[in-house]
N, C-alpha and C. Protein backbone atom coordinates (compact mmCIF):
# COMPACT_ATOMS: atom_id res chain seq x y z
N UNK A 1 0.83 -1.19 0.00
CA UNK A 1 0.01 -0.01 0.00
C UNK A 1 0.88 1.23 0.00
N UNK A 2 0.36 2.27 -0.57
CA UNK A 2 1.15 3.46 -0.70
C UNK A 2 0.28 4.69 -0.55
N UNK A 3 0.86 5.83 -0.42
CA UNK A 3 0.09 7.07 -0.34
C UNK A 3 -0.35 7.52 -1.72
N UNK A 4 0.27 7.00 -2.78
CA UNK A 4 -0.06 7.36 -4.14
C UNK A 4 -0.18 6.09 -4.96
N UNK A 5 -1.26 6.00 -5.75
CA UNK A 5 -1.42 4.81 -6.55
C UNK A 5 -1.00 5.06 -7.99
N UNK A 6 -0.79 3.98 -8.73
CA UNK A 6 -0.41 4.09 -10.13
C UNK A 6 -1.21 3.18 -11.00
N UNK A 7 -2.10 2.37 -10.41
CA UNK A 7 -2.86 1.38 -11.20
C UNK A 7 -4.31 1.78 -11.29
N UNK A 8 -5.01 1.22 -12.28
CA UNK A 8 -6.41 1.57 -12.52
C UNK A 8 -7.36 1.07 -11.45
N UNK A 9 -7.06 -0.05 -10.80
CA UNK A 9 -7.99 -0.57 -9.79
C UNK A 9 -7.57 -0.21 -8.35
N UNK A 10 -6.97 0.96 -8.19
CA UNK A 10 -6.57 1.41 -6.85
C UNK A 10 -7.80 1.54 -5.96
N UNK A 11 -7.60 1.30 -4.67
CA UNK A 11 -8.70 1.38 -3.71
C UNK A 11 -8.30 2.25 -2.54
N UNK A 12 -9.16 3.16 -2.18
CA UNK A 12 -8.99 3.92 -0.96
C UNK A 12 -9.51 3.05 0.16
N UNK A 13 -8.74 2.91 1.26
CA UNK A 13 -9.11 1.99 2.34
C UNK A 13 -9.53 2.78 3.59
N UNK A 14 -10.75 2.49 4.07
CA UNK A 14 -11.28 3.16 5.25
C UNK A 14 -11.05 2.32 6.50
N UNK A 15 -11.21 0.99 6.38
CA UNK A 15 -11.07 0.15 7.55
C UNK A 15 -11.28 -1.32 7.23
N UNK A 16 -11.10 -2.15 8.26
CA UNK A 16 -11.27 -3.59 8.14
C UNK A 16 -12.36 -4.01 9.12
N UNK A 17 -13.22 -4.91 8.67
CA UNK A 17 -14.29 -5.45 9.51
C UNK A 17 -14.31 -6.95 9.35
N UNK A 18 -15.06 -7.64 10.20
CA UNK A 18 -15.26 -9.08 10.07
C UNK A 18 -16.16 -9.35 8.88
N UNK A 19 -15.85 -10.37 8.11
CA UNK A 19 -16.66 -10.68 6.95
C UNK A 19 -18.13 -10.91 7.31
N UNK A 20 -18.37 -11.49 8.47
CA UNK A 20 -19.74 -11.73 8.92
C UNK A 20 -20.53 -10.43 9.11
N UNK A 21 -19.85 -9.34 9.34
CA UNK A 21 -20.51 -8.04 9.54
C UNK A 21 -20.72 -7.28 8.24
N UNK A 22 -20.28 -7.83 7.13
CA UNK A 22 -20.33 -7.09 5.86
C UNK A 22 -21.75 -6.66 5.45
N UNK A 23 -22.76 -7.53 5.58
CA UNK A 23 -24.11 -7.07 5.17
C UNK A 23 -24.59 -5.87 5.98
N UNK A 24 -24.37 -5.89 7.30
CA UNK A 24 -24.81 -4.74 8.11
C UNK A 24 -24.05 -3.46 7.72
N UNK A 25 -22.73 -3.62 7.52
CA UNK A 25 -21.93 -2.45 7.15
C UNK A 25 -22.37 -1.90 5.79
N UNK A 26 -22.60 -2.79 4.84
CA UNK A 26 -22.98 -2.36 3.49
C UNK A 26 -24.27 -1.56 3.52
N UNK A 27 -25.20 -1.96 4.37
CA UNK A 27 -26.47 -1.23 4.44
C UNK A 27 -26.26 0.21 4.92
N UNK A 28 -25.32 0.43 5.78
CA UNK A 28 -25.06 1.78 6.29
C UNK A 28 -24.15 2.58 5.35
N UNK A 29 -23.35 1.89 4.56
CA UNK A 29 -22.50 2.61 3.60
C UNK A 29 -23.28 3.25 2.48
N UNK A 30 -24.46 2.73 2.22
CA UNK A 30 -25.28 3.30 1.16
C UNK A 30 -25.72 4.71 1.47
N UNK A 31 -25.59 5.14 2.74
CA UNK A 31 -26.03 6.46 3.15
C UNK A 31 -24.97 7.54 3.04
N UNK A 32 -23.73 7.15 2.71
CA UNK A 32 -22.64 8.12 2.68
C UNK A 32 -21.88 8.05 1.35
N UNK A 33 -21.14 9.15 1.10
CA UNK A 33 -20.29 9.20 -0.07
C UNK A 33 -18.85 9.20 0.44
N UNK A 34 -18.00 8.47 -0.25
CA UNK A 34 -16.62 8.36 0.17
C UNK A 34 -15.71 9.43 -0.36
N UNK A 35 -14.42 9.22 -0.16
CA UNK A 35 -13.39 10.13 -0.63
C UNK A 35 -13.45 10.20 -2.17
N UNK A 36 -13.23 11.39 -2.70
CA UNK A 36 -13.29 11.65 -4.13
C UNK A 36 -14.67 11.34 -4.71
N UNK A 37 -15.71 11.48 -3.87
CA UNK A 37 -17.09 11.29 -4.25
C UNK A 37 -17.41 9.86 -4.73
N UNK A 38 -16.57 8.92 -4.37
CA UNK A 38 -16.77 7.52 -4.78
C UNK A 38 -17.58 6.81 -3.72
N UNK A 39 -18.53 5.97 -4.12
CA UNK A 39 -19.33 5.26 -3.16
C UNK A 39 -18.49 4.18 -2.46
N UNK A 40 -18.57 4.12 -1.11
CA UNK A 40 -17.80 3.10 -0.41
C UNK A 40 -18.50 1.74 -0.54
N UNK A 41 -17.68 0.69 -0.58
CA UNK A 41 -18.22 -0.68 -0.69
C UNK A 41 -17.43 -1.59 0.26
N UNK A 42 -17.91 -2.81 0.37
CA UNK A 42 -17.22 -3.81 1.19
C UNK A 42 -16.57 -4.82 0.24
N UNK A 43 -15.29 -5.02 0.42
CA UNK A 43 -14.50 -5.94 -0.38
C UNK A 43 -14.22 -7.17 0.50
N UNK A 44 -14.82 -8.30 0.15
CA UNK A 44 -14.67 -9.52 0.95
C UNK A 44 -13.26 -10.09 0.70
N UNK A 45 -12.58 -10.39 1.84
CA UNK A 45 -11.21 -10.92 1.76
C UNK A 45 -11.07 -12.10 2.74
N UNK A 46 -11.89 -13.11 2.53
CA UNK A 46 -11.87 -14.28 3.41
C UNK A 46 -12.66 -13.99 4.66
N UNK A 47 -12.05 -14.19 5.84
CA UNK A 47 -12.74 -14.01 7.10
C UNK A 47 -12.87 -12.56 7.49
N UNK A 48 -12.19 -11.68 6.81
CA UNK A 48 -12.32 -10.26 7.04
C UNK A 48 -12.73 -9.57 5.74
N UNK A 49 -13.08 -8.33 5.84
CA UNK A 49 -13.46 -7.53 4.68
C UNK A 49 -12.89 -6.13 4.85
N UNK A 50 -12.59 -5.49 3.74
CA UNK A 50 -12.12 -4.12 3.77
C UNK A 50 -13.20 -3.20 3.27
N UNK A 51 -13.36 -2.08 3.94
CA UNK A 51 -14.28 -1.06 3.45
C UNK A 51 -13.46 -0.12 2.59
N UNK A 52 -13.82 -0.05 1.32
CA UNK A 52 -13.02 0.66 0.33
C UNK A 52 -13.88 1.48 -0.61
N UNK A 53 -13.23 2.32 -1.39
CA UNK A 53 -13.90 2.96 -2.54
C UNK A 53 -12.88 3.04 -3.64
N UNK A 54 -13.38 3.14 -4.85
CA UNK A 54 -12.46 3.30 -6.00
C UNK A 54 -11.68 4.59 -5.83
N UNK A 55 -10.45 4.57 -6.30
CA UNK A 55 -9.62 5.77 -6.22
C UNK A 55 -9.20 6.13 -7.64
N UNK A 56 -9.39 7.36 -8.07
CA UNK A 56 -9.18 7.74 -9.46
C UNK A 56 -7.73 7.75 -9.94
N UNK A 57 -6.81 7.65 -9.04
CA UNK A 57 -5.40 7.68 -9.47
C UNK A 57 -4.77 9.00 -9.07
N UNK A 58 -3.47 8.99 -8.96
CA UNK A 58 -2.75 10.18 -8.59
C UNK A 58 -2.80 10.39 -7.09
N UNK A 59 -2.11 11.45 -6.63
CA UNK A 59 -2.06 11.72 -5.19
C UNK A 59 -3.42 12.16 -4.67
N UNK A 60 -3.67 11.83 -3.42
CA UNK A 60 -4.90 12.24 -2.76
C UNK A 60 -4.62 13.58 -2.07
N UNK A 61 -5.38 14.59 -2.45
CA UNK A 61 -5.21 15.89 -1.81
C UNK A 61 -5.82 15.83 -0.42
N UNK A 62 -5.10 16.34 0.56
CA UNK A 62 -5.56 16.32 1.94
C UNK A 62 -6.45 17.55 2.21
N UNK A 63 -7.64 17.47 1.64
CA UNK A 63 -8.58 18.58 1.80
C UNK A 63 -9.57 18.29 2.92
N UNK A 64 -10.21 19.31 3.39
CA UNK A 64 -11.21 19.14 4.44
C UNK A 64 -12.33 18.24 3.95
N UNK A 65 -12.73 18.40 2.69
CA UNK A 65 -13.79 17.58 2.10
C UNK A 65 -13.43 16.09 2.13
N UNK A 66 -12.20 15.77 1.74
CA UNK A 66 -11.77 14.36 1.76
C UNK A 66 -11.69 13.82 3.20
N UNK A 67 -11.17 14.61 4.08
CA UNK A 67 -11.07 14.15 5.48
C UNK A 67 -12.43 13.92 6.08
N UNK A 68 -13.38 14.81 5.79
CA UNK A 68 -14.75 14.64 6.29
C UNK A 68 -15.39 13.41 5.70
N UNK A 69 -15.16 13.17 4.40
CA UNK A 69 -15.73 11.96 3.76
C UNK A 69 -15.16 10.70 4.42
N UNK A 70 -13.88 10.68 4.69
CA UNK A 70 -13.26 9.56 5.36
C UNK A 70 -13.90 9.31 6.70
N UNK A 71 -14.06 10.36 7.47
CA UNK A 71 -14.66 10.30 8.81
C UNK A 71 -16.12 9.83 8.73
N UNK A 72 -16.89 10.36 7.78
CA UNK A 72 -18.31 9.98 7.64
C UNK A 72 -18.47 8.52 7.31
N UNK A 73 -17.59 7.97 6.48
CA UNK A 73 -17.68 6.55 6.15
C UNK A 73 -17.40 5.74 7.39
N UNK A 74 -16.35 6.10 8.13
CA UNK A 74 -16.05 5.36 9.37
C UNK A 74 -17.17 5.48 10.39
N UNK A 75 -17.74 6.66 10.55
CA UNK A 75 -18.82 6.86 11.51
C UNK A 75 -20.05 6.00 11.12
N UNK A 76 -20.29 5.88 9.82
CA UNK A 76 -21.43 5.12 9.37
C UNK A 76 -21.33 3.64 9.74
N UNK A 77 -20.12 3.11 9.73
CA UNK A 77 -19.99 1.69 10.03
C UNK A 77 -19.57 1.40 11.46
N UNK A 78 -18.80 2.30 12.07
CA UNK A 78 -18.31 2.06 13.45
C UNK A 78 -19.48 1.96 14.45
N UNK A 79 -20.55 2.66 14.17
CA UNK A 79 -21.70 2.60 15.05
C UNK A 79 -22.43 1.25 14.98
N UNK A 80 -22.16 0.54 13.92
CA UNK A 80 -22.92 -0.72 13.64
C UNK A 80 -22.07 -1.97 13.80
N UNK A 81 -20.81 -1.92 13.43
CA UNK A 81 -19.97 -3.12 13.45
C UNK A 81 -18.57 -2.77 13.98
N UNK A 82 -17.93 -3.76 14.57
CA UNK A 82 -16.54 -3.58 15.03
C UNK A 82 -15.68 -3.26 13.81
N UNK A 83 -14.96 -2.18 13.92
CA UNK A 83 -14.16 -1.68 12.77
C UNK A 83 -12.76 -1.36 13.21
N UNK A 84 -11.79 -1.79 12.42
CA UNK A 84 -10.40 -1.38 12.62
C UNK A 84 -10.16 -0.26 11.62
N UNK A 85 -10.25 0.99 12.05
CA UNK A 85 -10.12 2.11 11.12
C UNK A 85 -8.66 2.26 10.61
N UNK A 86 -8.58 2.67 9.38
CA UNK A 86 -7.26 2.96 8.79
C UNK A 86 -7.05 4.47 8.84
N UNK A 87 -5.82 4.87 8.79
CA UNK A 87 -5.52 6.29 8.80
C UNK A 87 -6.01 6.97 7.51
N UNK A 88 -6.22 8.23 7.61
CA UNK A 88 -6.64 8.98 6.41
C UNK A 88 -5.56 8.87 5.35
N UNK A 89 -5.98 8.67 4.11
CA UNK A 89 -5.06 8.70 2.98
C UNK A 89 -4.44 7.37 2.60
N UNK A 90 -4.90 6.25 3.17
CA UNK A 90 -4.34 4.95 2.84
C UNK A 90 -4.92 4.44 1.56
N UNK A 91 -4.05 4.21 0.56
CA UNK A 91 -4.51 3.79 -0.75
C UNK A 91 -3.77 2.51 -1.12
N UNK A 92 -4.52 1.49 -1.50
CA UNK A 92 -3.93 0.25 -2.01
C UNK A 92 -3.83 0.42 -3.52
N UNK A 93 -2.69 0.07 -4.07
CA UNK A 93 -2.50 0.28 -5.52
C UNK A 93 -3.40 -0.61 -6.34
N UNK A 94 -3.89 -1.68 -5.78
CA UNK A 94 -4.84 -2.58 -6.48
C UNK A 94 -5.53 -3.46 -5.48
N UNK A 95 -6.65 -4.07 -5.92
CA UNK A 95 -7.33 -5.01 -5.04
C UNK A 95 -6.39 -6.19 -4.70
N UNK A 96 -5.58 -6.62 -5.64
CA UNK A 96 -4.67 -7.73 -5.39
C UNK A 96 -3.65 -7.35 -4.33
N UNK A 97 -3.14 -6.11 -4.39
CA UNK A 97 -2.18 -5.65 -3.37
C UNK A 97 -2.82 -5.59 -1.99
N UNK A 98 -4.05 -5.13 -1.94
CA UNK A 98 -4.78 -5.06 -0.70
C UNK A 98 -5.03 -6.44 -0.15
N UNK A 99 -5.47 -7.34 -1.00
CA UNK A 99 -5.72 -8.72 -0.59
C UNK A 99 -4.46 -9.38 -0.02
N UNK A 100 -3.34 -9.19 -0.69
CA UNK A 100 -2.07 -9.72 -0.23
C UNK A 100 -1.68 -9.15 1.15
N UNK A 101 -1.87 -7.86 1.29
CA UNK A 101 -1.53 -7.20 2.58
C UNK A 101 -2.42 -7.70 3.70
N UNK A 102 -3.70 -7.85 3.42
CA UNK A 102 -4.63 -8.37 4.42
C UNK A 102 -4.28 -9.81 4.78
N UNK A 103 -3.99 -10.63 3.77
CA UNK A 103 -3.64 -12.04 4.02
C UNK A 103 -2.40 -12.13 4.90
N UNK A 104 -1.44 -11.25 4.71
CA UNK A 104 -0.21 -11.29 5.50
C UNK A 104 -0.46 -10.96 6.97
N UNK A 105 -1.53 -10.23 7.24
CA UNK A 105 -1.83 -9.79 8.62
C UNK A 105 -3.16 -10.37 9.16
N UNK A 106 -3.74 -11.31 8.44
CA UNK A 106 -5.07 -11.84 8.81
C UNK A 106 -5.16 -12.28 10.26
N UNK A 107 -4.25 -13.09 10.78
CA UNK A 107 -4.40 -13.51 12.19
C UNK A 107 -4.47 -12.34 13.17
N UNK A 108 -3.62 -11.34 12.98
CA UNK A 108 -3.63 -10.18 13.86
C UNK A 108 -4.91 -9.39 13.70
N UNK A 109 -5.41 -9.25 12.47
CA UNK A 109 -6.66 -8.54 12.23
C UNK A 109 -7.84 -9.24 12.87
N UNK A 110 -7.88 -10.57 12.70
CA UNK A 110 -8.98 -11.35 13.31
C UNK A 110 -8.95 -11.22 14.83
N UNK A 111 -7.78 -11.31 15.41
CA UNK A 111 -7.63 -11.19 16.86
C UNK A 111 -8.06 -9.80 17.33
N UNK A 112 -7.65 -8.78 16.62
CA UNK A 112 -8.02 -7.41 16.99
C UNK A 112 -9.53 -7.20 16.89
N UNK A 113 -10.16 -7.74 15.87
CA UNK A 113 -11.62 -7.61 15.74
C UNK A 113 -12.34 -8.27 16.89
N UNK A 114 -11.84 -9.41 17.36
CA UNK A 114 -12.45 -10.06 18.52
C UNK A 114 -12.18 -9.24 19.80
N UNK A 115 -10.95 -8.80 19.95
CA UNK A 115 -10.58 -8.05 21.16
C UNK A 115 -11.36 -6.71 21.27
N UNK A 116 -11.61 -6.07 20.16
CA UNK A 116 -12.27 -4.77 20.19
C UNK A 116 -13.78 -4.84 20.05
N UNK A 117 -14.32 -6.04 19.92
CA UNK A 117 -15.76 -6.18 19.74
C UNK A 117 -16.52 -5.57 20.92
N UNK A 118 -17.47 -4.73 20.61
CA UNK A 118 -18.28 -4.09 21.65
C UNK A 118 -17.67 -2.82 22.23
N UNK A 119 -16.49 -2.49 21.83
CA UNK A 119 -15.82 -1.27 22.35
C UNK A 119 -15.98 -0.13 21.37
N UNK A 120 -15.86 1.08 21.84
CA UNK A 120 -15.89 2.26 20.98
C UNK A 120 -14.70 3.14 21.29
N UNK A 121 -14.30 3.91 20.33
CA UNK A 121 -13.23 4.87 20.53
C UNK A 121 -13.87 6.24 20.69
N UNK A 122 -13.44 6.96 21.68
CA UNK A 122 -14.02 8.28 21.94
C UNK A 122 -12.91 9.29 22.18
N UNK A 123 -13.03 10.43 21.61
CA UNK A 123 -12.11 11.53 21.89
C UNK A 123 -12.69 12.37 23.02
N UNK A 124 -11.85 12.76 23.94
CA UNK A 124 -12.31 13.56 25.06
C UNK A 124 -11.49 14.82 25.16
N UNK A 125 -12.15 15.91 25.32
CA UNK A 125 -11.48 17.21 25.52
C UNK A 125 -11.92 17.76 26.85
N UNK A 126 -10.97 18.23 27.63
CA UNK A 126 -11.31 18.83 28.91
C UNK A 126 -10.95 20.30 28.82
N UNK A 127 -11.93 21.14 29.11
CA UNK A 127 -11.71 22.59 29.07
C UNK A 127 -11.97 23.11 30.47
N UNK A 128 -11.02 23.88 30.98
CA UNK A 128 -11.21 24.53 32.31
C UNK A 128 -10.77 25.95 32.19
N UNK A 129 -11.52 26.86 32.80
CA UNK A 129 -11.09 28.24 32.79
C UNK A 129 -9.72 28.36 33.47
N UNK A 130 -8.82 29.09 32.86
CA UNK A 130 -7.44 29.21 33.39
C UNK A 130 -7.44 29.64 34.85
N UNK A 131 -8.27 30.61 35.20
CA UNK A 131 -8.27 31.11 36.59
C UNK A 131 -8.65 29.99 37.55
N UNK A 132 -9.68 29.22 37.21
CA UNK A 132 -10.10 28.12 38.09
C UNK A 132 -9.04 27.02 38.15
N UNK A 133 -8.40 26.71 37.03
CA UNK A 133 -7.34 25.70 37.02
C UNK A 133 -6.15 26.18 37.86
N UNK A 134 -5.82 27.47 37.71
CA UNK A 134 -4.70 28.00 38.50
C UNK A 134 -5.04 27.98 39.98
N UNK A 135 -6.26 28.34 40.36
CA UNK A 135 -6.67 28.35 41.76
C UNK A 135 -6.59 26.94 42.34
N UNK A 136 -7.03 25.93 41.59
CA UNK A 136 -6.95 24.54 42.05
C UNK A 136 -5.50 24.11 42.20
N UNK A 137 -4.65 24.53 41.26
CA UNK A 137 -3.25 24.16 41.34
C UNK A 137 -2.59 24.78 42.53
N UNK A 138 -2.90 26.05 42.80
CA UNK A 138 -2.31 26.74 43.94
C UNK A 138 -2.77 26.12 45.23
N UNK A 139 -4.02 25.66 45.27
CA UNK A 139 -4.54 25.02 46.48
C UNK A 139 -3.74 23.72 46.77
N UNK A 140 -3.35 23.01 45.69
CA UNK A 140 -2.54 21.79 45.83
C UNK A 140 -1.08 22.10 46.18
N UNK A 141 -0.62 23.24 45.73
CA UNK A 141 0.81 23.62 45.94
C UNK A 141 0.87 25.04 46.47
N UNK A 142 0.71 25.22 47.79
CA UNK A 142 0.69 26.58 48.37
C UNK A 142 1.97 27.39 48.10
N UNK A 143 3.08 26.69 47.86
CA UNK A 143 4.31 27.40 47.59
C UNK A 143 4.21 28.25 46.31
N UNK A 144 3.35 27.81 45.37
CA UNK A 144 3.16 28.60 44.15
C UNK A 144 2.50 29.94 44.49
N UNK A 145 1.52 29.87 45.35
CA UNK A 145 0.84 31.13 45.73
C UNK A 145 1.79 32.09 46.43
N UNK A 146 2.65 31.55 47.29
CA UNK A 146 3.63 32.41 47.99
C UNK A 146 4.60 33.01 47.00
N UNK A 147 5.07 32.19 46.04
CA UNK A 147 6.01 32.70 45.04
C UNK A 147 5.36 33.77 44.17
N UNK A 148 4.10 33.51 43.76
CA UNK A 148 3.36 34.44 42.94
C UNK A 148 3.21 35.78 43.68
N UNK A 149 2.85 35.73 44.94
CA UNK A 149 2.66 36.96 45.73
C UNK A 149 3.99 37.69 45.90
N UNK A 150 5.06 36.97 46.13
CA UNK A 150 6.37 37.61 46.30
C UNK A 150 6.80 38.30 45.02
N UNK A 151 6.59 37.66 43.89
CA UNK A 151 7.00 38.26 42.61
C UNK A 151 6.12 39.48 42.32
N UNK A 152 4.83 39.42 42.62
CA UNK A 152 3.95 40.57 42.39
C UNK A 152 4.37 41.75 43.25
N UNK A 153 4.81 41.49 44.47
CA UNK A 153 5.21 42.55 45.37
C UNK A 153 6.49 43.23 44.90
N UNK A 154 7.33 42.53 44.14
CA UNK A 154 8.57 43.14 43.67
C UNK A 154 8.38 44.05 42.46
N UNK A 155 7.23 43.97 41.83
CA UNK A 155 6.94 44.87 40.71
C UNK A 155 7.82 44.59 39.50
N UNK A 156 8.22 45.72 38.86
CA UNK A 156 8.99 45.63 37.60
C UNK A 156 10.38 45.00 37.79
N UNK A 157 10.90 45.01 38.97
CA UNK A 157 12.22 44.41 39.20
C UNK A 157 12.25 42.90 38.96
N UNK A 158 11.10 42.27 39.01
CA UNK A 158 11.02 40.82 38.86
C UNK A 158 10.46 40.40 37.50
N UNK A 159 10.61 41.25 36.53
CA UNK A 159 10.03 41.01 35.19
C UNK A 159 10.43 39.63 34.65
N UNK A 160 11.72 39.38 34.57
CA UNK A 160 12.19 38.10 33.97
C UNK A 160 11.86 36.90 34.85
N UNK A 161 11.85 37.12 36.16
CA UNK A 161 11.48 36.03 37.07
C UNK A 161 9.98 35.70 36.92
N UNK A 162 9.18 36.74 36.67
CA UNK A 162 7.76 36.47 36.45
C UNK A 162 7.53 35.69 35.15
N UNK A 163 8.32 35.98 34.14
CA UNK A 163 8.23 35.25 32.88
C UNK A 163 8.59 33.77 33.13
N UNK A 164 9.66 33.55 33.88
CA UNK A 164 10.07 32.19 34.18
C UNK A 164 8.99 31.50 35.03
N UNK A 165 8.44 32.22 36.00
CA UNK A 165 7.37 31.65 36.82
C UNK A 165 6.16 31.30 35.95
N UNK A 166 5.80 32.18 35.04
CA UNK A 166 4.67 31.93 34.11
C UNK A 166 4.90 30.66 33.30
N UNK A 167 6.12 30.47 32.82
CA UNK A 167 6.46 29.30 32.06
C UNK A 167 6.28 28.04 32.93
N UNK A 168 6.76 28.14 34.17
CA UNK A 168 6.65 27.04 35.13
C UNK A 168 5.17 26.72 35.39
N UNK A 169 4.34 27.75 35.59
CA UNK A 169 2.93 27.55 35.84
C UNK A 169 2.25 26.93 34.62
N UNK A 170 2.58 27.42 33.44
CA UNK A 170 1.98 26.86 32.20
C UNK A 170 2.31 25.37 32.06
N UNK A 171 3.56 25.01 32.34
CA UNK A 171 3.95 23.58 32.25
C UNK A 171 3.19 22.77 33.32
N UNK A 172 3.05 23.30 34.51
CA UNK A 172 2.32 22.60 35.57
C UNK A 172 0.85 22.43 35.20
N UNK A 173 0.25 23.49 34.62
CA UNK A 173 -1.14 23.41 34.17
C UNK A 173 -1.27 22.35 33.07
N UNK A 174 -0.32 22.29 32.17
CA UNK A 174 -0.34 21.31 31.11
C UNK A 174 -0.27 19.89 31.68
N UNK A 175 0.61 19.68 32.66
CA UNK A 175 0.70 18.37 33.33
C UNK A 175 -0.62 18.01 34.00
N UNK A 176 -1.20 19.01 34.64
CA UNK A 176 -2.49 18.78 35.32
C UNK A 176 -3.59 18.42 34.33
N UNK A 177 -3.60 19.11 33.20
CA UNK A 177 -4.60 18.83 32.13
C UNK A 177 -4.41 17.42 31.64
N UNK A 178 -3.19 16.99 31.41
CA UNK A 178 -2.92 15.62 30.91
C UNK A 178 -3.35 14.58 31.90
N UNK A 179 -3.10 14.85 33.19
CA UNK A 179 -3.57 13.89 34.24
C UNK A 179 -5.09 13.78 34.23
N UNK A 180 -5.75 14.92 34.07
CA UNK A 180 -7.20 14.94 34.08
C UNK A 180 -7.71 14.16 32.87
């Protein structure tokens, strides 16, 4: 597989599913349009199947429209069947190349489909007002409050120290955000 195809039967690859789930996936694929306005289909490859669409050839432009189409195809099937999503822009130069690649990894793909059955992937974003996050951090580390007050009392003389302190606080807030 490559980022750019050169053959007429190139396929854009969205993901891999269990062959038994192909009929349910196909029913939901009829509701969306794939990358380059090509209809997505299910390509049976033994015990697994690939969700693909025809690719017209040449490089795939990384446009918002293409990325949204990729996401919409995955959303249409992920809600219905266990799916191993592929990264945006994955193109198999031919069905034969895709079939060979799948065959080489079939045991791992089958195991992953079983392992992830019934699970979903979710992105989580945590947003906290900076003042509230800072107040919570200071409550956990009173020495920060004392240092902040001391620097504020020094006024303009502590300009560079306040910059350094700000950098330290920003890093601490980032660590706190990652923990959350």
